[in-house]
Protein backbone atom coordinates (compact mmCIF):
# COMPACT_ATOMS: atom_id res chain seq x y z
CA UNK A 1 76.45 -131.04 -42.87
CA UNK A 2 76.83 -131.54 -46.59
CA UNK A 3 74.70 -134.65 -46.41
CA UNK A 4 71.86 -133.02 -44.44
CA UNK A 5 68.83 -132.89 -46.74
CA UNK A 6 67.38 -129.97 -44.65
CA UNK A 7 70.27 -127.72 -45.67
CA UNK A 8 69.94 -126.08 -49.09
CA UNK A 9 73.53 -125.57 -50.20
CA UNK A 10 72.58 -123.99 -53.48
CA UNK A 11 70.57 -121.25 -51.66
CA UNK A 12 73.45 -120.77 -49.23
CA UNK A 13 75.92 -120.35 -52.08
CA UNK A 14 73.64 -117.86 -53.82
CA UNK A 15 73.25 -115.83 -50.65
CA UNK A 16 77.04 -115.87 -49.99
CA UNK A 17 77.74 -114.72 -53.56
CA UNK A 18 75.21 -111.97 -53.24
CA UNK A 19 76.88 -110.77 -50.12
CA UNK A 20 80.29 -110.80 -51.88
CA UNK A 21 78.88 -108.94 -54.93
CA UNK A 22 77.43 -106.30 -52.57
CA UNK A 23 80.79 -105.78 -50.83
CA UNK A 24 82.58 -105.56 -54.16
CA UNK A 25 80.02 -102.98 -55.37
CA UNK A 26 79.64 -100.88 -52.25
CA UNK A 27 82.85 -101.20 -50.17
CA UNK A 28 85.78 -99.86 -52.19
CA UNK A 29 88.24 -101.53 -49.83
CA UNK A 30 86.31 -104.66 -49.24
CA UNK A 31 86.26 -105.64 -45.61
CA UNK A 32 89.37 -103.53 -44.78
CA UNK A 33 89.31 -100.12 -43.15
CA UNK A 34 91.64 -97.74 -41.31
CA UNK A 35 95.06 -96.53 -42.27
CA UNK A 36 96.75 -99.78 -43.03
CA UNK A 37 94.52 -101.45 -45.62
CA UNK A 38 97.28 -104.08 -46.16
CA UNK A 39 96.47 -105.83 -42.86
CA UNK A 40 94.44 -108.99 -42.65
CA UNK A 41 90.70 -108.50 -41.88
CA UNK A 42 89.88 -109.95 -38.48
CA UNK A 43 87.48 -112.81 -38.13
CA UNK A 44 85.31 -110.67 -35.98
CA UNK A 45 85.06 -107.89 -38.54
CA UNK A 46 84.43 -110.43 -41.38
CA UNK A 47 81.70 -112.27 -39.52
CA UNK A 48 79.78 -109.25 -38.42
CA UNK A 49 79.92 -107.54 -41.84
CA UNK A 50 79.27 -110.68 -44.00
CA UNK A 51 76.32 -111.94 -41.88
CA UNK A 52 74.98 -108.40 -41.39
CA UNK A 53 75.03 -107.71 -45.16
CA UNK A 54 73.42 -111.09 -45.86
CA UNK A 55 70.65 -110.40 -43.43
CA UNK A 56 70.10 -106.93 -44.76
CA UNK A 57 69.93 -108.36 -48.32
CA UNK A 58 67.25 -110.78 -47.13
CA UNK A 59 65.17 -107.87 -45.91
CA UNK A 60 65.79 -105.59 -48.94
CA UNK A 61 66.88 -107.39 -52.14
CA UNK A 62 67.71 -104.01 -53.92
CA UNK A 63 69.78 -102.70 -51.00
CA UNK A 64 71.95 -99.69 -51.82
CA UNK A 65 74.75 -98.41 -49.62
CA UNK A 66 77.00 -95.38 -50.23
CA UNK A 67 80.30 -94.80 -48.55
CA UNK A 68 82.50 -96.61 -45.99
CA UNK A 69 81.24 -94.96 -42.86
CA UNK A 70 79.94 -98.26 -41.39
CA UNK A 71 83.53 -99.64 -41.11
CA UNK A 72 84.69 -96.41 -39.40
CA UNK A 73 81.95 -95.66 -36.94
CA UNK A 74 82.90 -95.54 -33.34
CA UNK A 75 80.32 -98.16 -32.46
CA UNK A 76 81.45 -100.66 -35.10
CA UNK A 77 85.04 -100.29 -34.17
CA UNK A 78 84.11 -100.92 -30.56
CA UNK A 79 82.00 -103.95 -31.41
CA UNK A 80 84.50 -105.44 -33.87
CA UNK A 81 87.80 -105.11 -31.92
CA UNK A 82 90.24 -107.75 -32.97
CA UNK A 83 89.76 -109.87 -29.82
CA UNK A 84 86.10 -108.99 -29.20
CA UNK A 85 84.09 -111.39 -27.08
CA UNK A 86 82.44 -114.33 -28.84
CA UNK A 87 79.51 -114.44 -26.41
CA UNK A 88 76.21 -114.96 -28.16
CA UNK A 89 74.95 -111.55 -27.15
CA UNK A 90 78.05 -109.70 -28.39
CA UNK A 91 78.18 -111.60 -31.73
CA UNK A 92 74.49 -110.78 -32.28
CA UNK A 93 75.07 -107.14 -31.36
CA UNK A 94 77.84 -106.78 -33.98
CA UNK A 95 75.82 -108.52 -36.70
CA UNK A 96 72.67 -106.57 -35.94
CA UNK A 97 74.53 -103.28 -35.87
CA UNK A 98 75.94 -103.92 -39.38
CA UNK A 99 72.55 -105.07 -40.66
CA UNK A 100 70.67 -102.14 -39.19
CA UNK A 101 73.16 -99.60 -40.32
CA UNK A 102 72.90 -100.94 -43.92
CA UNK A 103 69.08 -100.73 -43.70
CA UNK A 104 69.19 -97.16 -42.38
CA UNK A 105 67.63 -98.13 -39.06
């Protein structure tokens, strides 16, 4: 992939860093939630939040988000269970939920 001229690694890096900056600024506990913030963040939670945030930032560059309610909603907890399905539909549902919640949809 690193040799594929169709992929712009610089743009991907900028998008990734913008997502991380957004998390640092708007999520006091990063990707962690719940009572035990010392536990490792699951892959399912990380993928849905990171991609959802990146997509939201694509739509609204000056995106603002207050609070940590996204991580603690009943829906997100259900979608991002530790061993949640990796079917295309369920992955998309998790990502789109995070994106839409950030965009206020």
